[in-house]
N, C-alpha and C. Protein backbone atom coordinates (compact mmCIF):
# COMPACT_ATOMS: atom_id res chain seq x y z
N UNK A 1 309.92 157.78 75.97
CA UNK A 1 309.78 158.02 77.33
C UNK A 1 311.02 158.55 77.99
N UNK A 2 311.57 159.53 78.22
CA UNK A 2 312.60 160.06 78.79
C UNK A 2 313.06 159.76 80.26
N UNK A 3 314.10 159.35 80.97
CA UNK A 3 314.27 159.49 82.39
C UNK A 3 314.92 160.37 82.89
N UNK A 4 314.13 161.03 83.96
CA UNK A 4 314.54 162.39 84.53
C UNK A 4 315.59 162.07 85.42
N UNK A 5 316.82 163.05 85.48
CA UNK A 5 317.71 162.78 86.30
C UNK A 5 317.22 163.05 87.87
N UNK A 6 316.46 163.99 88.09
CA UNK A 6 315.85 164.01 89.23
C UNK A 6 315.11 162.80 89.89
N UNK A 7 314.64 162.11 88.99
CA UNK A 7 314.25 160.78 89.40
C UNK A 7 315.05 159.83 89.89
N UNK A 8 316.00 159.79 88.94
CA UNK A 8 317.11 159.10 89.45
C UNK A 8 318.03 159.11 90.70
N UNK A 9 318.09 160.49 91.01
CA UNK A 9 318.26 160.85 92.39
C UNK A 9 317.58 160.04 93.55
N UNK A 10 316.38 160.33 93.10
CA UNK A 10 315.45 159.75 94.23
C UNK A 10 315.72 158.14 94.17
N UNK A 11 315.53 157.50 93.06
CA UNK A 11 315.75 156.16 93.22
C UNK A 11 316.92 155.62 93.63
N UNK A 12 317.98 156.34 93.73
CA UNK A 12 319.56 156.09 94.16
C UNK A 12 319.15 155.89 95.72
N UNK A 13 318.08 156.16 96.40
CA UNK A 13 317.88 155.93 97.77
C UNK A 13 317.14 154.76 98.13
N UNK A 14 316.90 154.12 97.06
CA UNK A 14 315.83 152.87 97.15
C UNK A 14 316.46 151.70 96.59
N UNK A 15 315.77 150.40 96.92
CA UNK A 15 316.37 149.41 96.39
C UNK A 15 315.44 148.80 95.14
N UNK A 16 314.44 149.49 94.85
CA UNK A 16 313.47 149.09 93.81
C UNK A 16 312.94 147.98 94.05
N UNK A 17 312.17 147.76 95.25
CA UNK A 17 311.28 147.14 95.66
C UNK A 17 309.86 147.46 95.76
N UNK A 18 308.73 146.35 95.52
CA UNK A 18 307.54 146.78 95.71
C UNK A 18 307.17 147.61 96.87
N UNK A 19 307.34 147.17 97.90
CA UNK A 19 307.12 147.85 99.29
C UNK A 19 307.59 149.05 99.42
N UNK A 20 308.18 149.56 98.46
CA UNK A 20 308.81 151.11 98.55
C UNK A 20 307.91 151.82 97.91
N UNK A 21 306.77 151.31 97.20
CA UNK A 21 306.10 152.14 96.29
C UNK A 21 305.46 153.39 96.90
N UNK A 22 305.27 153.38 98.15
CA UNK A 22 304.27 154.80 98.56
C UNK A 22 305.50 156.10 98.86
N UNK A 23 306.65 155.36 99.56
CA UNK A 23 307.61 156.11 99.76
C UNK A 23 308.06 156.84 98.55
N UNK A 24 308.17 155.94 97.50
CA UNK A 24 308.63 156.47 96.07
C UNK A 24 307.92 157.64 95.66
N UNK A 25 306.76 157.27 95.63
CA UNK A 25 305.44 158.11 95.10
C UNK A 25 305.59 159.53 95.94
N UNK A 26 305.56 159.45 97.16
CA UNK A 26 305.69 160.60 98.08
C UNK A 26 307.04 161.46 97.70
N UNK A 27 307.84 160.93 97.61
CA UNK A 27 309.29 161.44 97.14
C UNK A 27 309.26 162.16 95.77
N UNK A 28 308.60 161.57 95.03
CA UNK A 28 308.66 162.06 93.63
C UNK A 28 307.61 163.27 93.44
N UNK A 29 306.49 163.17 94.37
CA UNK A 29 305.69 164.09 94.12
C UNK A 29 306.23 165.41 94.94
N UNK A 30 307.15 165.42 96.03
CA UNK A 30 307.68 166.23 96.63
C UNK A 30 308.59 166.87 95.92
N UNK A 31 309.37 166.17 94.79
CA UNK A 31 310.14 166.80 94.13
C UNK A 31 309.54 167.71 93.06
N UNK A 32 308.60 166.81 92.22
CA UNK A 32 307.96 167.39 91.08
C UNK A 32 306.82 168.23 91.26
N UNK A 33 305.92 168.08 92.51
CA UNK A 33 305.00 169.11 92.75
C UNK A 33 303.72 168.06 92.50
N UNK A 34 303.87 166.86 91.86
CA UNK A 34 302.59 166.12 91.44
C UNK A 34 303.20 164.77 90.51
N UNK A 35 302.23 163.92 90.30
CA UNK A 35 302.87 162.69 89.80
C UNK A 35 302.44 162.59 88.34
N UNK A 36 303.35 162.72 87.46
CA UNK A 36 302.99 162.83 86.00
C UNK A 36 302.99 161.36 85.63
N UNK A 37 302.31 161.12 84.47
CA UNK A 37 301.94 159.65 83.99
C UNK A 37 303.50 159.21 83.58
N UNK A 38 304.47 159.79 83.15
CA UNK A 38 305.81 159.55 82.83
C UNK A 38 306.59 159.24 84.17
N UNK A 39 306.24 159.99 85.24
CA UNK A 39 306.89 159.49 86.45
C UNK A 39 306.39 158.33 87.10
N UNK A 40 305.13 158.11 87.04
CA UNK A 40 304.49 156.92 87.51
C UNK A 40 304.90 155.56 86.61
N UNK A 41 305.21 155.58 85.52
CA UNK A 41 305.85 154.76 84.54
C UNK A 41 307.06 154.39 85.09
N UNK A 42 308.00 155.67 85.33
CA UNK A 42 309.16 155.11 85.69
C UNK A 42 309.13 154.20 86.96
N UNK A 43 308.56 155.15 88.00
CA UNK A 43 308.24 154.26 89.23
C UNK A 43 308.02 152.80 89.32
N UNK A 44 307.05 152.36 88.20
CA UNK A 44 306.81 151.18 87.98
C UNK A 44 307.57 150.27 87.75
N UNK A 45 308.37 150.75 86.63
CA UNK A 45 309.60 149.89 86.30
C UNK A 45 310.66 149.97 87.16
N UNK A 46 311.03 150.96 88.10
CA UNK A 46 311.83 150.78 89.03
C UNK A 46 311.60 149.91 90.12
N UNK A 47 310.44 149.95 90.62
CA UNK A 47 309.90 149.21 91.58
C UNK A 47 309.33 147.65 91.19
N UNK A 48 309.61 147.35 90.24
CA UNK A 48 308.96 146.19 89.34
C UNK A 48 307.71 145.83 89.58
N UNK A 49 306.83 146.72 89.48
CA UNK A 49 305.30 146.71 89.93
C UNK A 49 304.65 147.42 88.62
N UNK A 50 303.56 146.45 88.32
CA UNK A 50 302.95 146.98 87.09
C UNK A 50 302.32 148.47 87.04
N UNK A 51 302.29 149.21 85.73
CA UNK A 51 301.62 150.12 85.84
C UNK A 51 300.55 150.47 86.51
N UNK A 52 299.64 149.70 86.16
CA UNK A 52 298.20 149.52 87.00
C UNK A 52 298.39 149.63 88.53
N UNK A 53 299.36 148.95 88.83
CA UNK A 53 299.55 148.92 90.47
C UNK A 53 300.12 150.14 90.96
N UNK A 54 300.77 150.91 90.44
CA UNK A 54 301.20 152.15 90.73
C UNK A 54 300.01 153.09 90.62
N UNK A 55 299.39 153.19 89.80
CA UNK A 55 298.14 153.96 89.41
C UNK A 55 297.21 153.50 90.78
N UNK A 56 296.90 152.45 90.84
CA UNK A 56 296.01 151.98 91.69
C UNK A 56 296.15 152.53 93.18
N UNK A 57 297.65 152.41 93.64
CA UNK A 57 298.07 153.00 95.06
C UNK A 57 297.96 154.72 94.90
N UNK A 58 298.35 155.06 93.99
CA UNK A 58 298.35 156.40 93.77
C UNK A 58 296.97 157.07 93.80
N UNK A 59 296.08 156.38 93.21
CA UNK A 59 294.55 156.95 93.33
C UNK A 59 294.14 156.79 94.52
N UNK A 60 294.19 155.60 95.42
CA UNK A 60 293.76 155.21 96.54
C UNK A 60 293.91 156.31 97.47
N UNK A 61 294.92 156.61 97.38
CA UNK A 61 295.29 157.79 98.69
C UNK A 61 295.14 159.26 98.30
N UNK A 62 294.58 160.00 99.02
CA UNK A 62 294.13 161.52 98.87
C UNK A 62 295.39 162.22 98.69
N UNK A 63 296.64 162.00 99.27
CA UNK A 63 297.77 162.86 99.09
C UNK A 63 298.40 162.97 97.99
N UNK A 64 298.18 162.05 96.98
CA UNK A 64 298.66 161.91 95.47
C UNK A 64 297.87 162.93 94.50
N UNK A 65 298.64 163.73 94.05
CA UNK A 65 297.95 164.65 92.89
C UNK A 65 298.56 163.98 91.48
N UNK A 66 297.63 164.47 90.61
CA UNK A 66 298.15 164.17 89.28
C UNK A 66 298.21 165.47 88.16
N UNK A 67 297.90 166.58 88.73
CA UNK A 67 298.16 167.90 88.01
C UNK A 67 299.12 168.78 88.92
N UNK A 68 299.85 169.59 88.38
CA UNK A 68 300.67 170.50 88.93
C UNK A 68 299.52 171.59 90.05
N UNK A 69 300.03 171.89 91.06
CA UNK A 69 299.42 173.15 91.64
C UNK A 69 300.15 174.00 91.40
N UNK A 70 299.19 175.29 91.73
CA UNK A 70 299.58 176.66 91.60
C UNK A 70 300.70 177.01 92.25
N UNK A 71 301.30 178.11 91.90
CA UNK A 71 302.24 178.97 92.92
C UNK A 71 301.84 179.33 94.11
N UNK A 72 300.34 179.59 94.23
CA UNK A 72 299.75 179.65 95.65
C UNK A 72 298.56 178.73 95.65
N UNK A 73 298.68 178.07 96.49
CA UNK A 73 297.84 176.61 96.64
C UNK A 73 296.93 177.04 98.02
N UNK A 74 295.71 177.34 97.45
CA UNK A 74 294.68 177.56 98.59
C UNK A 74 293.92 176.30 98.85
N UNK A 75 293.80 176.00 100.07
CA UNK A 75 293.13 175.26 100.64
C UNK A 75 291.99 175.61 101.74
N UNK A 76 290.74 175.30 101.26
CA UNK A 76 289.67 175.90 102.26
C UNK A 76 289.29 174.52 103.30
N UNK A 77 289.41 175.28 104.34
CA UNK A 77 288.74 173.90 105.34
C UNK A 77 287.42 173.83 105.35
N UNK A 78 286.76 172.57 105.39
CA UNK A 78 285.65 172.05 105.47
C UNK A 78 285.08 171.30 106.68
N UNK A 79 285.78 171.53 107.61
CA UNK A 79 285.80 170.86 109.09
C UNK A 79 284.30 171.40 109.42
N UNK A 80 283.85 170.54 110.48
CA UNK A 80 282.49 171.00 110.95
C UNK A 80 282.55 172.76 111.29
N UNK A 81 283.49 173.01 112.10
CA UNK A 81 283.42 174.30 112.78
C UNK A 81 283.53 175.31 111.71
N UNK A 82 284.08 174.81 110.79
CA UNK A 82 284.28 176.06 109.61
C UNK A 82 283.01 176.15 108.89
N UNK A 83 282.61 174.70 108.40
CA UNK A 83 281.10 174.48 107.75
C UNK A 83 280.18 175.28 108.46
N UNK A 84 280.20 174.92 109.74
CA UNK A 84 278.82 175.86 110.29
C UNK A 84 279.05 177.31 110.28
N UNK A 85 280.32 177.69 110.23
CA UNK A 85 280.55 179.46 110.39
C UNK A 85 280.60 179.83 108.74
N UNK A 86 280.46 179.01 107.78
CA UNK A 86 280.34 179.54 106.29
C UNK A 86 281.43 179.27 105.51
N UNK A 87 282.15 177.92 105.73
CA UNK A 87 283.16 177.75 104.51
C UNK A 87 282.44 177.56 103.17
N UNK A 88 281.56 177.11 102.98
CA UNK A 88 280.68 176.52 101.75
C UNK A 88 280.91 178.33 100.95
N UNK A 89 280.44 179.30 101.49
CA UNK A 89 280.47 180.70 101.13
C UNK A 89 281.87 181.08 100.77
N UNK A 90 282.70 180.72 101.48
CA UNK A 90 284.25 181.06 101.64
C UNK A 90 284.80 180.50 100.30
N UNK A 91 284.43 179.26 100.12
CA UNK A 91 284.81 178.55 99.02
C UNK A 91 284.26 179.07 97.69
N UNK A 92 283.19 179.29 97.91
CA UNK A 92 282.44 179.72 96.60
C UNK A 92 283.27 181.31 96.38
N UNK A 93 283.38 181.91 97.32
CA UNK A 93 284.11 183.45 96.94
C UNK A 93 285.34 183.39 96.34
N UNK A 94 286.21 182.18 97.00
CA UNK A 94 287.56 181.93 96.51
C UNK A 94 287.53 181.62 94.72
N UNK A 95 286.65 180.80 94.79
CA UNK A 95 286.38 180.36 93.39
C UNK A 95 286.09 181.71 92.48
N UNK A 96 285.01 182.38 92.71
CA UNK A 96 285.07 183.66 91.87
C UNK A 96 285.81 184.24 91.67
N UNK A 97 286.95 184.91 92.98
CA UNK A 97 287.96 185.58 92.78
C UNK A 97 288.97 184.84 91.73
N UNK A 98 289.30 183.79 92.17
CA UNK A 98 290.31 183.11 91.23
C UNK A 98 289.84 182.62 90.03
N UNK A 99 288.62 182.50 89.54
CA UNK A 99 288.19 182.02 88.26
C UNK A 99 288.22 180.77 87.90
N UNK A 100 288.45 180.09 89.10
CA UNK A 100 288.59 178.31 88.96
C UNK A 100 287.88 177.68 90.00
N UNK A 101 287.57 176.47 89.78
CA UNK A 101 286.89 175.68 90.62
C UNK A 101 287.50 175.06 91.52
N UNK A 102 287.05 174.48 92.69
CA UNK A 102 287.77 173.46 93.44
C UNK A 102 288.51 172.20 92.72
N UNK A 103 289.63 171.86 93.01
CA UNK A 103 290.17 170.83 92.24
C UNK A 103 291.13 171.22 91.05
N UNK A 104 290.88 172.70 90.74
CA UNK A 104 291.42 172.96 89.41
C UNK A 104 292.71 173.75 89.73
N UNK A 105 293.46 174.31 88.62
CA UNK A 105 294.77 175.01 88.58
C UNK A 105 294.72 175.96 87.78
N UNK A 106 294.94 177.26 87.76
CA UNK A 106 294.64 178.25 86.81
C UNK A 106 295.61 177.72 85.69
N UNK A 107 295.20 178.43 84.37
CA UNK A 107 296.08 178.21 83.22
C UNK A 107 297.36 178.68 83.53
N UNK A 108 297.65 179.50 84.06
CA UNK A 108 299.08 180.10 84.31
C UNK A 108 299.78 179.62 85.48
N UNK A 109 299.13 178.57 86.27
CA UNK A 109 299.50 177.90 87.09
C UNK A 109 300.21 178.82 88.56
N UNK A 110 299.34 179.89 88.46
CA UNK A 110 299.30 181.04 89.68
C UNK A 110 298.51 180.26 90.89
N UNK A 111 297.51 179.68 90.68
CA UNK A 111 296.36 179.39 91.61
C UNK A 111 295.94 178.08 91.47
N UNK A 112 295.80 177.32 92.62
CA UNK A 112 295.14 176.20 92.87
C UNK A 112 293.97 176.12 94.16
N UNK A 113 292.84 175.44 93.81
CA UNK A 113 292.19 175.36 95.15
C UNK A 113 291.86 174.01 95.54
N UNK A 114 291.60 173.65 96.73
CA UNK A 114 291.32 172.36 96.98
C UNK A 114 290.56 172.44 98.34
N UNK A 115 289.70 171.62 98.82
CA UNK A 115 289.38 171.55 100.27
C UNK A 115 289.79 170.53 100.87
N UNK A 116 290.01 170.75 102.24
CA UNK A 116 290.58 169.43 102.95
C UNK A 116 289.53 169.69 104.41
N UNK A 117 289.55 168.25 104.95
CA UNK A 117 288.53 167.88 105.89
C UNK A 117 288.79 169.14 107.38
N UNK A 118 290.11 169.19 107.64
CA UNK A 118 290.26 169.92 108.62
C UNK A 118 291.69 170.38 108.64
N UNK A 119 291.86 171.92 108.91
CA UNK A 119 293.25 172.26 109.03
C UNK A 119 293.80 172.41 110.47
N UNK A 120 292.73 171.93 111.70
CA UNK A 120 293.36 172.02 113.01
C UNK A 120 293.32 173.67 113.46
N UNK A 121 292.39 174.55 113.06
CA UNK A 121 292.43 175.63 113.72
C UNK A 121 290.65 175.93 113.74
N UNK A 122 290.09 175.34 114.51
CA UNK A 122 288.59 175.55 114.63
C UNK A 122 288.06 176.44 115.14
N UNK A 123 288.81 177.01 116.16
CA UNK A 123 288.77 178.27 117.11
C UNK A 123 288.69 179.63 116.09
N UNK A 124 289.28 179.47 115.13
CA UNK A 124 289.68 180.44 114.19
C UNK A 124 288.76 180.45 112.92
N UNK A 125 287.90 179.55 112.76
CA UNK A 125 287.11 179.45 111.55
C UNK A 125 286.00 180.26 111.40
N UNK A 126 285.81 180.37 110.16
CA UNK A 126 286.24 179.61 108.81
C UNK A 126 287.61 180.01 108.58
N UNK A 127 288.42 179.13 108.03
CA UNK A 127 289.74 179.21 107.61
C UNK A 127 289.96 178.72 106.20
N UNK A 128 290.96 179.06 105.95
CA UNK A 128 291.91 178.60 104.68
C UNK A 128 293.40 178.92 104.66
N UNK A 129 293.96 178.26 103.89
CA UNK A 129 295.23 178.46 103.69
C UNK A 129 295.78 178.98 102.50
N UNK A 130 296.87 179.56 102.54
CA UNK A 130 297.43 180.01 101.21
C UNK A 130 298.68 179.77 101.25
N UNK A 131 299.44 178.42 100.65
CA UNK A 131 300.72 178.04 100.86
C UNK A 131 301.13 177.76 102.48
N UNK A 132 299.90 177.35 102.94
CA UNK A 132 300.18 177.01 104.31
C UNK A 132 300.10 177.91 105.47
N UNK A 133 300.06 179.06 104.95
CA UNK A 133 299.71 180.14 105.84
C UNK A 133 298.01 180.23 106.26
N UNK A 134 297.81 180.24 107.52
CA UNK A 134 296.53 180.19 107.65
C UNK A 134 295.80 181.52 107.80
N UNK A 135 294.79 181.76 107.20
CA UNK A 135 293.96 182.80 107.30
C UNK A 135 292.60 182.65 107.92
N UNK A 136 292.55 183.45 108.89
CA UNK A 136 291.55 183.07 110.13
C UNK A 136 290.09 184.09 109.80
N UNK A 137 289.05 183.47 110.31
CA UNK A 137 287.84 184.05 110.48
C UNK A 137 287.54 184.83 109.11
N UNK A 138 287.39 184.03 108.16
CA UNK A 138 287.26 184.55 106.86
C UNK A 138 285.88 184.94 106.53
N UNK A 139 285.94 186.07 105.78
CA UNK A 139 284.62 186.45 105.36
C UNK A 139 284.76 186.80 103.66
N UNK A 140 283.87 186.88 102.94
CA UNK A 140 283.69 187.27 101.61
C UNK A 140 284.62 188.35 101.43
N UNK A 141 284.66 189.64 102.01
CA UNK A 141 285.18 190.46 101.89
C UNK A 141 286.93 190.57 102.15
N UNK A 142 286.95 189.69 103.33
CA UNK A 142 288.65 189.32 103.56
C UNK A 142 288.93 188.37 102.27
N UNK A 143 288.31 187.42 101.54
CA UNK A 143 288.74 186.71 100.28
C UNK A 143 288.99 187.50 99.25
N UNK A 144 288.04 188.64 99.06
CA UNK A 144 288.19 189.64 98.10
C UNK A 144 289.50 190.43 98.14
N UNK A 145 289.61 191.02 99.45
CA UNK A 145 290.88 191.43 99.68
C UNK A 145 292.47 190.69 99.53
N UNK A 146 292.11 189.39 100.11
CA UNK A 146 293.32 188.53 99.95
C UNK A 146 293.49 188.11 98.38
N UNK A 147 292.64 188.14 97.69
CA UNK A 147 292.99 187.20 96.16
C UNK A 147 292.55 188.47 95.05
N UNK A 148 291.76 189.31 95.41
CA UNK A 148 291.25 190.40 94.32
C UNK A 148 290.70 189.78 93.10
N UNK A 149 289.75 190.69 92.84
CA UNK A 149 289.07 190.40 91.41
C UNK A 149 290.01 190.37 90.08
N UNK A 150 290.93 190.99 90.22
CA UNK A 150 292.15 191.09 89.04
C UNK A 150 292.71 189.81 88.78
N UNK A 151 292.53 188.68 89.67
CA UNK A 151 292.92 187.19 89.26
C UNK A 151 292.06 186.46 88.30
N UNK A 152 290.91 187.08 88.63
CA UNK A 152 289.70 186.27 87.76
C UNK A 152 289.92 186.25 86.23
N UNK A 153 289.63 185.10 85.82
CA UNK A 153 289.33 185.07 84.31
C UNK A 153 290.66 184.39 83.75
N UNK A 154 291.55 184.34 84.16
CA UNK A 154 292.93 183.28 83.86
C UNK A 154 292.82 182.12 83.03
N UNK A 155 291.71 181.73 83.12
CA UNK A 155 291.57 180.42 82.57
C UNK A 155 291.70 179.16 83.82
N UNK A 156 291.46 178.02 83.29
CA UNK A 156 291.55 176.84 84.19
C UNK A 156 292.51 175.43 83.66
N UNK A 157 292.91 174.96 84.57
CA UNK A 157 293.45 173.80 83.96
C UNK A 157 293.04 172.71 85.08
N UNK A 158 292.63 171.62 84.73
CA UNK A 158 292.31 170.62 85.70
C UNK A 158 293.36 169.61 85.97
C-alpha cells in the first residue's frame, strides 16, 4: 500500500485523533472524488481507528461515496414536488439516455447518476442537476436533448 502525497497534505492539517474522522473523510473525498479502500486504510492508520471503524462511519453517512463519480454527475430530485410531477419518468429517461442506472458511473467515467431527496427547487419541478447546474421543468424530450442518445452504450461501472 502506497501513501499518496495528496493525503499526506490533508493529514498535515490534523492531529491524528479519532474525533477528526468525519472531517478527514470529507477532505479526502473532496480531494479524490471518492473514498478508495486504500485511502480509508490510510485514514484509519493516521487517526488511530480500526479500519472497520472507518468503514462503519463512512457507510453510515450518505455523503460518502466509494466509487469515482463521472465527469458529469447527474442528480435527479425525488422530492415530493418532483415525484408528483414525474421524477420517476425523468430518472428512467436519464438512465436510458446514458446507458447506466442510478448509483452507477459509466465505464469511461463521463457520467454518473444518483437521486437526491430534494434539491430545493420545488417550484421548478421536476428537476435534475448536471454538475450542480439545475435543469428545471424536465420532460423526457428535454432529457433526450440534454444527454442525447449518442451517450448510450458506453458500459457501466458500479
